[in-house]
Structures are given as C-alpha cells and as structure tokens.
Protein backbone atom coordinates (compact mmCIF):
# COMPACT_ATOMS: atom_id res chain seq x y z
CA MET A 1 -14.95 9.95 -10.52
CA LEU A 2 -11.47 8.57 -9.92
CA ARG A 3 -11.47 5.57 -7.59
CA PHE A 4 -8.39 4.74 -5.50
CA MET A 5 -8.04 1.41 -3.69
CA PRO A 6 -5.45 1.17 -0.89
CA VAL A 7 -4.08 -2.38 -0.78
CA GLY A 8 -1.74 -3.64 1.89
CA ASP A 9 -0.88 -5.44 5.09
CA SER A 10 -0.89 -4.27 8.71
CA MET A 11 0.81 -0.99 7.79
CA THR A 12 -2.19 -0.16 5.59
CA ILE A 13 -5.16 -1.50 7.51
CA GLY A 14 -3.91 0.11 10.72
CA SER A 15 -5.21 -0.63 14.19
CA ALA A 16 -7.84 0.82 16.48
CA GLY A 17 -7.28 4.47 17.37
CA GLU A 18 -5.07 5.32 14.38
CA HIS A 19 -5.62 7.68 11.47
CA THR A 20 -3.72 5.47 8.94
CA TRP A 21 -1.80 6.67 5.88
CA ARG A 22 -5.00 6.15 3.93
CA TYR A 23 -6.55 9.03 5.82
CA ARG A 24 -3.49 11.23 5.29
CA LEU A 25 -3.56 10.59 1.55
CA TRP A 26 -7.29 11.28 1.38
CA GLN A 27 -6.71 14.62 3.09
CA HIS A 28 -3.97 15.47 0.60
CA LEU A 29 -6.07 14.54 -2.45
CA ARG A 30 -9.08 16.37 -1.06
CA ASP A 31 -6.99 19.52 -0.86
CA THR A 32 -4.98 19.21 -4.08
CA TYR A 33 -6.72 16.96 -6.61
CA GLY A 34 -8.89 18.99 -8.96
CA GLY A 35 -11.69 16.52 -9.52
CA PRO A 36 -14.04 14.05 -7.84
CA PHE A 37 -12.45 10.96 -6.31
CA ALA A 38 -13.15 8.28 -3.75
CA LEU A 39 -11.35 5.60 -1.77
CA VAL A 40 -12.89 2.22 -2.56
CA GLY A 41 -12.50 -1.38 -1.47
CA PRO A 42 -14.41 -4.29 0.04
CA ARG A 43 -13.32 -3.59 3.64
CA GLU A 44 -13.59 -0.67 6.06
CA THR A 45 -12.37 -1.86 9.43
CA LEU A 46 -9.19 -1.46 11.45
CA TYR A 47 -7.44 -4.27 13.27
CA ASP A 48 -8.39 -4.67 16.93
CA LYS A 49 -5.30 -5.94 18.78
CA ALA A 50 -7.26 -6.83 21.89
CA LEU A 51 -9.60 -9.08 19.92
CA ASP A 52 -6.95 -10.16 17.42
CA ALA A 53 -9.35 -9.49 14.56
CA PRO A 54 -10.09 -6.77 11.96
CA VAL A 55 -13.35 -5.66 13.55
CA SER A 56 -12.73 -2.11 14.78
CA HIS A 57 -14.26 1.08 13.39
CA GLU A 58 -12.47 3.28 15.94
CA TYR A 59 -10.55 5.54 13.58
CA ALA A 60 -8.95 8.59 15.13
CA ASP A 61 -11.07 10.55 12.66
CA PRO A 62 -13.81 8.39 11.12
CA ASP A 63 -15.07 11.14 8.82
CA PHE A 64 -13.45 9.99 5.57
CA PRO A 65 -14.03 7.28 2.95
CA ARG A 66 -12.50 4.35 4.80
CA ALA A 67 -12.79 1.61 2.16
CA HIS A 68 -9.69 -0.47 1.45
CA LEU A 69 -8.35 -3.95 0.72
CA ALA A 70 -5.84 -4.52 3.49
CA GLY A 71 -5.36 -7.11 6.18
CA TRP A 72 -3.19 -7.72 9.22
CA GLY A 73 -0.89 -10.61 8.31
CA GLU A 74 -1.88 -10.63 4.63
CA GLY A 75 0.62 -10.37 1.79
CA TRP A 76 0.92 -10.57 -1.98
CA GLN A 77 0.02 -14.24 -2.01
CA HIS A 78 -3.24 -13.60 -0.17
CA LEU A 79 -4.37 -10.46 -1.94
CA ALA A 80 -3.51 -11.78 -5.41
CA LEU A 81 -6.47 -14.11 -4.87
CA LEU A 82 -8.81 -11.25 -3.93
CA ILE A 83 -7.79 -8.35 -6.14
CA GLY A 84 -9.70 -9.39 -9.24
CA ASP A 85 -13.09 -9.46 -7.53
CA ALA A 86 -12.24 -6.31 -5.58
CA VAL A 87 -11.44 -4.39 -8.77
CA ARG A 88 -14.53 -5.69 -10.57
CA ASP A 89 -16.86 -4.95 -7.66
CA THR A 90 -15.58 -1.44 -6.92
CA GLY A 91 -14.54 -0.19 -10.36
CA ALA A 92 -11.16 0.82 -8.93
CA ASP A 93 -9.06 2.93 -11.29
CA VAL A 94 -5.85 3.10 -9.22
CA LEU A 95 -4.38 0.55 -6.82
CA LEU A 96 -2.08 1.94 -4.13
CA VAL A 97 -0.15 -1.10 -2.95
CA SER A 98 2.10 -1.53 0.08
CA LEU A 99 2.91 -5.22 0.45
CA GLY A 100 5.86 -7.56 0.85
CA LEU A 101 7.16 -7.28 4.39
CA ILE A 102 4.82 -9.93 5.79
CA ASP A 103 5.48 -12.20 2.80
CA LEU A 104 9.23 -12.13 3.31
CA GLY A 105 8.91 -12.41 7.07
CA PHE A 106 6.61 -15.42 7.19
CA TYR A 107 5.50 -16.89 3.88
CA THR A 108 7.72 -16.66 0.79
CA ASN A 109 11.25 -15.77 -0.27
CA ALA A 110 12.06 -12.83 -2.53
CA GLU A 111 11.71 -14.75 -5.80
CA GLN A 112 8.43 -16.36 -4.79
CA THR A 113 7.09 -13.02 -3.60
CA ALA A 114 8.00 -11.39 -6.92
CA ARG A 115 6.08 -14.13 -8.74
CA ASN A 116 3.06 -13.33 -6.58
CA VAL A 117 3.38 -9.67 -7.60
CA ARG A 118 3.01 -10.79 -11.22
CA ARG A 119 -0.04 -12.89 -10.29
CA PHE A 120 -1.55 -9.86 -8.56
CA VAL A 121 -0.98 -7.58 -11.56
CA ALA A 122 -2.39 -10.13 -13.97
CA ALA A 123 -5.52 -10.65 -11.88
CA ALA A 124 -6.11 -6.91 -11.51
CA ARG A 125 -5.72 -6.39 -15.26
CA GLU A 126 -8.01 -9.28 -16.07
CA ALA A 127 -10.67 -7.50 -14.03
CA SER A 128 -9.89 -4.08 -15.55
CA PRO A 129 -7.41 -3.84 -18.44
CA ARG A 130 -6.88 -0.11 -17.81
CA VAL A 131 -6.26 -0.23 -14.07
CA ARG A 132 -3.27 1.77 -12.82
CA MET A 133 -1.04 0.70 -9.94
CA VAL A 134 1.43 2.44 -7.66
CA LEU A 135 3.67 -0.01 -5.79
CA LEU A 136 5.71 0.88 -2.71
CA PRO A 137 8.93 -1.07 -2.06
CA VAL A 138 9.31 -2.86 1.24
CA ILE A 139 10.57 -0.62 4.03
CA PRO A 140 12.97 -2.67 6.18
CA ASN A 141 11.67 -2.98 9.72
CA VAL A 142 13.38 -3.58 13.04
CA ARG A 143 13.96 -7.26 12.24
CA ALA A 144 16.19 -6.30 9.32
CA ALA A 145 18.54 -4.52 11.72
CA THR A 146 19.52 -7.78 13.43
CA ASP A 147 18.61 -10.50 10.92
CA ALA A 148 21.05 -10.22 8.01
CA PRO A 149 19.45 -12.95 5.83
CA PHE A 150 16.06 -11.27 6.20
CA ALA A 151 17.55 -7.87 5.34
CA ALA A 152 19.14 -9.43 2.24
CA GLN A 153 15.77 -10.83 1.18
CA VAL A 154 14.19 -7.38 1.53
CA THR A 155 16.92 -5.86 -0.63
CA LEU A 156 16.59 -8.60 -3.26
CA PHE A 157 12.81 -8.34 -3.35
CA ASN A 158 12.94 -4.59 -3.86
CA GLU A 159 15.31 -5.13 -6.79
CA LEU A 160 12.96 -7.75 -8.24
CA LEU A 161 9.98 -5.46 -7.66
CA ALA A 162 11.65 -2.68 -9.65
CA LYS A 163 12.35 -5.14 -12.48
CA THR A 164 8.78 -6.40 -12.38
CA VAL A 165 7.39 -2.89 -12.62
CA ALA A 166 9.66 -2.16 -15.58
CA ASP A 167 8.71 -5.43 -17.28
CA LEU A 168 4.96 -5.12 -16.79
CA ASP A 169 4.45 -1.38 -17.25
CA GLU A 170 2.33 -0.61 -20.29
CA PRO A 171 0.60 2.52 -21.60
CA ALA A 172 -2.95 1.22 -21.12
CA SER A 173 -2.28 0.05 -17.57
CA PRO A 174 0.70 1.94 -16.16
CA LEU A 175 2.68 0.76 -13.15
CA LEU A 176 4.59 3.17 -10.94
CA LEU A 177 7.28 2.32 -8.43
CA ALA A 178 6.99 4.76 -5.55
CA SER A 179 10.11 5.74 -3.63
CA VAL A 180 10.67 4.87 0.00
CA PRO A 181 10.91 8.25 1.76
CA GLU A 182 14.60 9.06 2.23
CA SER A 183 13.94 10.40 5.72
CA TYR A 184 11.95 7.37 6.89
CA ASP A 185 13.43 6.24 10.20
CA ILE A 186 11.91 3.27 12.00
CA ALA A 187 13.03 4.74 15.33
CA LEU A 188 11.12 7.97 14.66
CA ASP A 189 8.39 7.05 12.18
CA THR A 190 7.02 3.85 13.73
CA TYR A 191 5.68 2.97 17.16
CA ASP A 192 7.15 -0.52 17.26
CA GLY A 193 9.82 -0.73 14.57
CA THR A 194 7.32 -1.68 11.87
CA HIS A 195 3.97 0.11 12.01
CA PRO A 196 3.81 3.83 11.20
CA ASN A 197 3.08 6.47 13.80
CA THR A 198 1.76 9.89 12.81
CA SER A 199 4.94 11.01 11.06
CA GLY A 200 5.23 7.62 9.36
CA GLU A 201 1.66 7.84 8.11
CA HIS A 202 2.41 11.18 6.50
CA LYS A 203 5.59 9.87 4.88
CA LEU A 204 3.85 6.83 3.41
CA ALA A 205 1.04 8.99 2.08
CA ALA A 206 3.63 11.36 0.62
CA ALA A 207 5.35 8.47 -1.17
CA PHE A 208 2.16 7.59 -3.04
CA ALA A 209 1.17 11.21 -3.60
CA GLY A 210 4.62 12.11 -4.91
CA ALA A 211 4.69 9.24 -7.39
CA MET A 212 1.29 10.17 -8.83
CA HIS A 213 2.08 13.86 -8.97
CA GLN A 214 5.41 13.33 -10.69
CA ALA A 215 4.20 10.75 -13.21
CA TRP A 216 0.64 11.81 -13.89
CA GLY A 217 0.39 15.39 -12.63
CA TRP A 218 -2.29 14.50 -10.08
CA GLY A 219 -2.59 16.55 -6.91
CA GLY A 220 0.19 18.79 -5.69
CA LYS A 221 3.23 18.68 -3.49
CA TYR A 222 2.50 16.80 -0.29
CA GLY A 223 2.28 19.14 2.65
CA GLY A 224 1.43 16.81 5.55
C-alpha cells in the first residue's frame, strides 16, 4: 500500500463545495496506478468561509479518501512543526507539497521560507528516512500582478526552492520539483486570482501526477 499525503495551504485544503486537486489526483491514480494506494493525513475537512474555520465536510463529491495535512492560512513554518508527527502517525510514503504563497504574503521572506523548507524536510525524514516528497513551486497569484516586490520574492523563493531540492535530494529519500503548468492562468484557472477552480484543480493534480510519472514511472499521462 502506497500512502500519499497532500500537504498545503488554502489551495490544498479547499473550501466547502469544492472537489479540490486532491480529489482530481485521487481519480487519476485510481485509474492509472497499478497497485493499492491511499491518501492519508491527520485532517479531512474543508474550510468553511462562512464560519471562518476548517470544519466543513461538504465536498462536491465526498466519496474519496479525503485525508490531508493542509490548512487555510498555514505555510511552511506552520507545517514544519506538524509534519513529523503526521508522517509517523500515518506511515506516509510520499508527501505532495504545495506551500509558500501564504508564507511570502504574510509571514516570511524568500530566504526565511527556504530555511523552513529545510526544516520541513528534516522533520519528515526524521520520522521516516525513506519518505519521498514532490514539491510544487509557488504559482504567482493576483497580488503579484500589481505588487512588484512580492512578485520578486515569489521568483526568488522558487529559485531557492529548486536549489534546496537539488541540495537535499538523496537516493533513499528522493525529492522532486514539480513544474508549474505552463498553461496555468489565474484569470481562467482560479475563481479569485488565487484559489483553483475546476480547471485549476486539474492542472495542479496534473503537475504532481506528471512529476511522479516522469521520475518514478507511477501512473500514466494525466487525462483530467
């Protein structure tokens, strides 16, 4: 049994009424991966905007393994503190990580955020020395279109993330840097300039699926 843990911020937890990219990736792996697998994590809920809390179970299609480690407003600095216990408790084999936008927007600069990536990786490996990770670079959101310093921080962080992945990759615990989908357009693939709509969910799922298929031969070509 291969255990995948989606890890992320508001783009990963999703909000009430959504499918989420987690669901799209589960569908893809269900149809293309040739062995047993599960999504794991200590949380299952969506974010409820009306209540301003992650308490909703109202998935557009609830019939899938909904476990994850994602939180609205949470970034690398928050989840680096939680990932060790989450990996130990769930036996996660692969971490699918989409983090960084909230860090750069509210908490830490690019260099500080990159240091938190290293803390996250170290904590995950301490819990499981053979854990694999697929990391998605930050996709610039609507703020980056008008805030040049913020856009520069996103660019710098993505460069530092690529360097971190290259530095920390090792055969026993491989790290993959997924590619931001070339066709991703915040005007078309989000509902508010940040959070993915249906097409955005598919493109994020495809980014993770494509990285694993290319590097490890898992699954097939994404067809969402």
